[in-house]
Amino acid sequence: MELQDKKYRILDIFFRLLKGEFVSVRQLADEYSVSGKTVSRDINEIRAYLSENEYRNGNAQIEYSHREKAYYLSMDDFLSSKELLVLIEILISSRALPKNSMEEIIDKLEGFTLTKDKKLIQDLILKEKHHYKPVGNDCKNIIDNIWSVSRAIQNQQVITISYYKMDRTIINRKVRPLSIVFSDYYFYLIASHKVGEEYVNRFYRIDRITDIIKHKENFSVEYSERLDEGKLKNEIQYMWPGRNMDILFEFSGPSVQAVLDKIPQSEIVKRDGNKYTIKAKVYGDGIKMFLLSQGSWVKVLEPVELGEKMKSEIAKMAKLYD
């Protein structure tokens, strides 16, 4: 029984350390009804194990905090409190998850925060959590959807999705799932479906997928035809389909860097005072939406077709105010 108690005690102390807690010899001795020397021996056994297995545990070490008068676990490969705070802030700002899912994930992340930093992080994000407004969605559980689709992508398995279109009609479409990307509040499934004799790629917001049926049918994609998600993310705006384009436009707004950040595949080719000429590689019709959002700061130079579409849209907008 004593051996069993010792095993339990050591595992419990180790688990507390992994959770980022400070462990006090005196407090643990009172809690376990053992001597302080016994707890110290337990901690030394954990320390010895970590030392002997340093190569596999990310240089984890048990260290002593004189301020807290307690021991804590230090790991090179473990997320620090400041890194966890950054992840939590990004998660909240994304607005991509329902509030309950977001709070569950944040609670788990906070569980790995050092005890001394927990209150700081909780205070910093308190108001943001309270006022959190997720984007609307139609699915039962977006995290389950993402995982289910991810497995289908990995297995190259054909699926049928029930999907709400923008006009709120529901379609059932048999597709080949290719990739998942995140952009502007939403997770998207990039999938191909057959149109005539060819397969074309389309974007589907995962939060609008209400049902997923997996078929006993697999597909293969040639290596040269595989989707490059990183390249696509650098060229696309607002996840609108279309074609690849090289564009040239003038920008005279206050923050040219914000434009360059929005279009990663872009560069300044000329500057005349506060006017910049920018060259960019883009994909899809979303670029028109972005450039229109910049108002009179933007003038499209090339291609002429895009410039004409801009003028047409601007004329339609002007009529609304006649």
Protein backbone atom coordinates (compact mmCIF):
# COMPACT_ATOMS: atom_id res chain seq x y z
CA MET A 1 0.00 0.00 0.00
CA GLU A 2 2.90 2.33 0.84
CA LEU A 3 4.46 1.68 -2.59
CA GLN A 4 1.13 2.40 -4.25
CA ASP A 5 0.80 5.65 -2.30
CA LYS A 6 4.31 6.66 -3.38
CA LYS A 7 3.55 6.01 -7.07
CA TYR A 8 0.35 8.00 -6.82
CA ARG A 9 2.13 10.86 -5.04
CA ILE A 10 4.94 11.10 -7.61
CA LEU A 11 2.51 10.99 -10.55
CA ASP A 12 0.32 13.62 -8.92
CA ILE A 13 3.28 15.94 -8.29
CA PHE A 14 4.53 15.44 -11.86
CA PHE A 15 1.08 16.19 -13.29
CA ARG A 16 0.84 19.38 -11.24
CA LEU A 17 4.22 20.48 -12.54
CA LEU A 18 3.15 19.76 -16.13
CA LYS A 19 0.10 21.98 -15.58
CA GLY A 20 2.39 24.85 -14.68
CA GLU A 21 1.71 24.81 -10.95
CA PHE A 22 4.19 25.74 -8.25
CA VAL A 23 4.57 22.86 -5.80
CA SER A 24 5.51 23.62 -2.21
CA VAL A 25 7.17 20.89 -0.15
CA ARG A 26 5.43 22.04 3.02
CA GLN A 27 1.97 22.21 1.43
CA LEU A 28 2.33 18.83 -0.26
CA ALA A 29 3.59 17.23 2.94
CA ASP A 30 0.46 18.46 4.75
CA GLU A 31 -1.80 17.36 1.89
CA TYR A 32 -0.32 13.85 1.62
CA SER A 33 0.22 13.48 5.39
CA VAL A 34 3.90 12.67 4.94
CA SER A 35 7.12 14.35 5.97
CA GLY A 36 8.80 17.14 4.04
CA LYS A 37 11.77 14.84 3.44
CA THR A 38 9.46 12.32 1.75
CA VAL A 39 8.10 14.98 -0.64
CA SER A 40 11.65 16.20 -1.34
CA ARG A 41 12.67 12.63 -2.24
CA ASP A 42 9.66 12.39 -4.59
CA ILE A 43 10.68 15.61 -6.33
CA ASN A 44 14.27 14.38 -6.60
CA GLU A 45 13.07 11.16 -8.27
CA ILE A 46 11.18 13.20 -10.86
CA ARG A 47 14.26 15.40 -11.31
CA ALA A 48 16.45 12.32 -11.83
CA TYR A 49 14.05 10.91 -14.42
CA LEU A 50 14.04 14.19 -16.36
CA SER A 51 17.84 14.37 -16.24
CA GLU A 52 18.26 10.80 -17.52
CA ASN A 53 15.77 11.42 -20.37
CA GLU A 54 16.83 14.95 -21.27
CA TYR A 55 17.12 14.11 -24.98
CA ARG A 56 13.43 13.23 -25.26
CA ASN A 57 11.75 15.75 -22.96
CA GLY A 58 12.83 19.11 -24.36
CA ASN A 59 15.44 19.77 -21.67
CA ALA A 60 12.77 19.81 -18.95
CA GLN A 61 14.07 20.67 -15.50
CA ILE A 62 12.59 21.19 -12.05
CA GLU A 63 13.70 24.55 -10.71
CA TYR A 64 13.15 26.39 -7.44
CA SER A 65 11.52 29.83 -7.17
CA HIS A 66 12.75 31.73 -4.11
CA ARG A 67 9.92 34.22 -4.50
CA GLU A 68 7.22 31.54 -4.47
CA LYS A 69 9.21 29.24 -2.17
CA ALA A 70 8.17 26.36 -4.39
CA TYR A 71 9.30 24.22 -7.31
CA TYR A 72 8.18 24.55 -10.94
CA LEU A 73 8.84 22.84 -14.26
CA SER A 74 10.95 24.59 -16.89
CA MET A 75 10.89 23.27 -20.48
CA ASP A 76 12.68 24.64 -23.54
CA ASP A 77 10.11 23.18 -25.94
CA PHE A 78 7.09 24.25 -23.88
CA LEU A 79 5.01 27.32 -24.65
CA SER A 80 5.85 30.24 -22.39
CA SER A 81 3.18 32.39 -20.74
CA LYS A 82 3.82 35.24 -23.18
CA GLU A 83 3.47 32.86 -26.13
CA LEU A 84 0.22 31.48 -24.71
CA LEU A 85 -1.11 35.03 -24.31
CA VAL A 86 -0.36 35.76 -27.98
CA LEU A 87 -2.19 32.58 -29.06
CA ILE A 88 -5.21 33.45 -26.90
CA GLU A 89 -5.37 36.98 -28.34
CA ILE A 90 -5.23 35.61 -31.90
CA LEU A 91 -7.96 33.09 -31.09
CA ILE A 92 -10.26 35.77 -29.67
CA SER A 93 -9.61 38.17 -32.56
CA SER A 94 -10.34 35.51 -35.17
CA ARG A 95 -14.02 35.32 -34.04
CA ALA A 96 -14.11 32.01 -35.91
CA LEU A 97 -15.37 29.77 -33.10
CA PRO A 98 -18.62 29.71 -31.12
CA LYS A 99 -18.21 31.29 -27.69
CA ASN A 100 -18.39 28.01 -25.76
CA SER A 101 -15.73 26.36 -27.96
CA MET A 102 -13.49 29.41 -27.73
CA GLU A 103 -13.77 29.52 -23.93
CA GLU A 104 -13.04 25.78 -23.61
CA ILE A 105 -9.84 26.13 -25.63
CA ILE A 106 -8.75 29.23 -23.70
CA ASP A 107 -9.34 27.43 -20.39
CA LYS A 108 -7.13 24.57 -21.60
CA LEU A 109 -4.40 26.96 -22.73
CA GLU A 110 -4.55 28.76 -19.39
CA GLY A 111 -4.08 25.38 -17.73
CA PHE A 112 -0.53 25.32 -19.11
CA THR A 113 0.26 28.81 -17.88
CA LEU A 114 2.52 29.21 -14.88
CA THR A 115 0.49 29.85 -11.75
CA LYS A 116 2.21 33.20 -11.23
CA ASP A 117 1.08 34.38 -14.69
CA LYS A 118 -2.49 33.03 -14.73
CA LYS A 119 -4.13 36.01 -13.06
CA LEU A 120 -2.28 38.43 -15.33
CA ILE A 121 -3.53 36.65 -18.46
CA GLN A 122 -7.07 36.28 -17.09
CA ASP A 123 -7.22 40.00 -16.25
CA LEU A 124 -5.88 41.01 -19.68
CA ILE A 125 -8.47 39.01 -21.63
CA LEU A 126 -11.43 39.32 -19.24
CA LYS A 127 -13.28 42.07 -21.13
CA GLU A 128 -12.45 40.58 -24.53
CA LYS A 129 -13.96 37.26 -23.48
CA HIS A 130 -17.05 38.98 -22.07
CA HIS A 131 -17.71 40.97 -25.26
CA TYR A 132 -16.71 38.17 -27.65
CA LYS A 133 -18.98 38.07 -30.71
CA PRO A 134 -18.43 35.05 -32.94
CA VAL A 135 -19.31 35.11 -36.61
CA GLY A 136 -22.55 33.33 -37.48
CA ASN A 137 -22.47 29.69 -38.50
CA ASP A 138 -24.87 26.97 -39.61
CA CYS A 139 -23.12 23.78 -38.55
CA LYS A 140 -23.53 21.82 -35.32
CA ASN A 141 -19.84 21.93 -34.40
CA ILE A 142 -17.25 23.66 -36.56
CA ILE A 143 -14.32 21.93 -34.83
CA ASP A 144 -15.86 18.51 -35.56
CA ASN A 145 -16.41 19.60 -39.18
CA ILE A 146 -12.79 20.68 -39.56
CA TRP A 147 -11.52 17.40 -38.11
CA SER A 148 -13.84 15.27 -40.23
CA VAL A 149 -12.85 17.07 -43.41
CA SER A 150 -9.16 16.90 -42.45
CA ARG A 151 -9.35 13.10 -42.19
CA ALA A 152 -11.05 12.91 -45.59
CA ILE A 153 -8.27 15.07 -47.08
CA GLN A 154 -5.62 12.84 -45.55
CA ASN A 155 -7.30 9.69 -46.87
CA GLN A 156 -8.12 11.30 -50.24
CA GLN A 157 -11.71 10.25 -49.67
CA VAL A 158 -14.63 11.58 -51.72
CA ILE A 159 -17.34 13.26 -49.63
CA THR A 160 -20.78 14.77 -50.15
CA ILE A 161 -21.47 17.99 -48.28
CA SER A 162 -24.78 19.65 -47.51
CA TYR A 163 -24.01 23.32 -47.84
CA TYR A 164 -25.68 26.69 -47.38
CA LYS A 165 -24.90 28.97 -50.32
CA MET A 166 -24.74 32.75 -49.94
CA ASP A 167 -28.36 33.07 -51.08
CA ARG A 168 -29.31 30.68 -48.22
CA THR A 169 -30.31 27.82 -50.50
CA ILE A 170 -28.97 24.37 -49.54
CA ILE A 171 -27.09 22.20 -52.02
CA ASN A 172 -25.72 18.67 -51.80
CA ARG A 173 -22.42 18.41 -53.65
CA LYS A 174 -20.06 15.48 -54.14
CA VAL A 175 -16.51 16.76 -53.92
CA ARG A 176 -12.87 15.83 -53.63
CA PRO A 177 -11.56 17.61 -50.50
CA LEU A 178 -8.13 19.12 -51.11
CA SER A 179 -7.21 21.54 -48.35
CA ILE A 180 -8.36 23.70 -45.42
CA VAL A 181 -7.34 27.35 -45.07
CA PHE A 182 -8.30 30.16 -42.71
CA SER A 183 -8.96 33.69 -43.98
CA ASP A 184 -10.86 36.72 -42.65
CA TYR A 185 -12.86 35.09 -39.82
CA TYR A 186 -13.69 31.84 -41.64
CA PHE A 187 -12.28 28.36 -42.22
CA TYR A 188 -12.61 27.27 -45.84
CA LEU A 189 -12.60 23.86 -47.49
CA ILE A 190 -11.00 23.93 -50.92
CA ALA A 191 -12.49 21.06 -52.88
CA SER A 192 -12.95 20.09 -56.52
CA HIS A 193 -16.11 18.86 -58.17
CA LYS A 194 -16.84 17.72 -61.68
CA VAL A 195 -18.16 20.22 -64.21
CA GLY A 196 -18.60 18.49 -67.54
CA GLU A 197 -15.48 16.41 -68.05
CA GLU A 198 -13.20 18.50 -65.82
CA TYR A 199 -12.74 19.04 -62.10
CA VAL A 200 -12.80 22.65 -60.89
CA ASN A 201 -11.76 23.99 -57.48
CA ARG A 202 -14.30 25.79 -55.28
CA PHE A 203 -14.22 27.33 -51.80
CA TYR A 204 -16.73 26.29 -49.14
CA ARG A 205 -17.03 27.94 -45.76
CA ILE A 206 -16.79 25.07 -43.29
CA ASP A 207 -19.24 26.72 -40.89
CA ARG A 208 -21.91 26.48 -43.63
CA ILE A 209 -21.49 22.71 -44.06
CA THR A 210 -24.41 21.12 -42.21
CA ASP A 211 -23.68 17.48 -43.06
CA ILE A 212 -20.77 15.39 -44.36
CA ILE A 213 -21.14 11.96 -45.96
CA LYS A 214 -17.95 9.99 -46.56
CA HIS A 215 -17.99 7.60 -49.52
CA LYS A 216 -16.04 4.39 -50.06
CA GLU A 217 -14.45 6.11 -53.01
CA ASN A 218 -10.95 7.52 -53.14
CA PHE A 219 -9.19 9.84 -55.53
CA SER A 220 -5.61 10.71 -56.35
CA VAL A 221 -4.02 13.96 -57.42
CA GLU A 222 -0.83 14.12 -59.45
CA TYR A 223 2.04 15.73 -57.54
CA SER A 224 2.34 18.52 -60.11
CA GLU A 225 -1.38 19.30 -59.69
CA ARG A 226 -1.44 19.38 -55.89
CA LEU A 227 -2.73 22.53 -54.29
CA ASP A 228 -0.12 24.88 -52.83
CA GLU A 229 -2.06 26.38 -49.90
CA GLY A 230 0.76 28.75 -48.96
CA LYS A 231 1.01 30.21 -52.46
CA LEU A 232 -2.78 30.47 -52.70
CA LYS A 233 -3.04 32.33 -49.38
CA ASN A 234 -0.49 34.88 -50.61
CA GLU A 235 -2.43 35.58 -53.80
CA ILE A 236 -6.10 35.46 -52.82
CA GLN A 237 -8.34 37.99 -51.09
CA TYR A 238 -11.67 37.16 -49.42
CA MET A 239 -11.59 33.57 -50.81
CA TRP A 240 -13.40 34.46 -54.04
CA PRO A 241 -12.79 32.18 -57.05
CA GLY A 242 -11.52 33.48 -60.36
CA ARG A 243 -8.25 33.38 -62.24
CA ASN A 244 -4.61 34.29 -61.76
CA MET A 245 -3.80 37.89 -62.63
CA ASP A 246 -0.84 40.26 -62.66
CA ILE A 247 -2.17 43.68 -61.68
CA LEU A 248 -0.76 47.20 -61.49
CA PHE A 249 -2.39 49.97 -59.48
CA GLU A 250 -1.67 53.31 -57.86
CA PHE A 251 -2.19 53.87 -54.14
CA SER A 252 -2.18 57.27 -52.42
CA GLY A 253 -3.57 56.39 -48.99
CA PRO A 254 -1.93 56.88 -45.59
CA SER A 255 -0.68 53.29 -45.09
CA VAL A 256 0.87 51.59 -48.07
CA GLN A 257 2.17 48.87 -45.73
CA ALA A 258 -1.41 47.80 -44.92
CA VAL A 259 -1.99 47.22 -48.65
CA LEU A 260 1.25 45.26 -49.03
CA ASP A 261 0.30 43.15 -46.00
CA LYS A 262 -3.12 42.37 -47.47
CA ILE A 263 -1.54 41.31 -50.79
CA PRO A 264 1.65 39.40 -49.83
CA GLN A 265 2.61 38.84 -53.47
CA SER A 266 3.04 42.58 -54.10
CA GLU A 267 5.82 45.12 -54.39
CA ILE A 268 6.25 48.87 -54.89
CA VAL A 269 7.69 49.54 -58.35
CA LYS A 270 7.50 53.34 -58.29
CA ARG A 271 7.00 56.17 -55.82
CA ASP A 272 6.01 59.76 -56.66
CA GLY A 273 5.60 61.71 -53.42
CA ASN A 274 2.72 60.08 -51.54
CA LYS A 275 1.62 58.06 -54.58
CA TYR A 276 2.84 54.48 -54.92
CA THR A 277 2.62 52.25 -57.97
CA ILE A 278 2.21 48.65 -56.86
CA LYS A 279 2.61 45.45 -58.85
CA ALA A 280 0.95 42.29 -57.54
CA LYS A 281 0.11 38.68 -58.35
CA VAL A 282 -3.43 37.79 -57.29
CA TYR A 283 -6.03 35.08 -57.70
CA GLY A 284 -9.78 35.45 -57.85
CA ASP A 285 -12.29 38.30 -57.96
CA GLY A 286 -11.78 39.15 -54.30
CA ILE A 287 -9.07 41.64 -55.30
CA LYS A 288 -11.76 43.88 -56.80
CA MET A 289 -13.59 43.95 -53.48
CA PHE A 290 -10.41 44.85 -51.61
CA LEU A 291 -9.38 47.61 -54.02
CA LEU A 292 -12.89 49.11 -53.94
CA SER A 293 -12.68 49.19 -50.14
CA GLN A 294 -9.76 51.64 -50.49
CA GLY A 295 -12.00 54.23 -52.18
CA SER A 296 -10.32 57.12 -53.99
CA TRP A 297 -6.88 56.06 -52.77
CA VAL A 298 -6.71 53.41 -55.52
CA LYS A 299 -6.59 53.58 -59.31
CA VAL A 300 -6.20 50.35 -61.32
CA LEU A 301 -3.79 50.66 -64.26
CA GLU A 302 -3.58 47.05 -65.47
CA PRO A 303 -5.22 44.91 -66.66
CA VAL A 304 -7.67 47.16 -68.50
CA GLU A 305 -10.45 44.62 -67.90
CA LEU A 306 -10.11 44.98 -64.12
CA GLY A 307 -10.08 48.76 -64.42
CA GLU A 308 -13.33 48.62 -66.40
CA LYS A 309 -14.93 46.39 -63.77
CA MET A 310 -13.89 48.89 -61.10
CA LYS A 311 -15.41 51.79 -63.02
CA SER A 312 -18.64 49.87 -63.60
CA GLU A 313 -18.96 49.02 -59.90
CA ILE A 314 -18.18 52.60 -58.87
CA ALA A 315 -20.88 53.87 -61.25
CA LYS A 316 -23.43 51.49 -59.74
CA MET A 317 -22.47 52.68 -56.26
CA ALA A 318 -22.84 56.33 -57.31
CA LYS A 319 -26.37 55.68 -58.62
CA LEU A 320 -27.43 54.53 -55.18
CA TYR A 321 -26.87 58.10 -53.96
CA ASP A 322 -28.55 59.92 -56.88
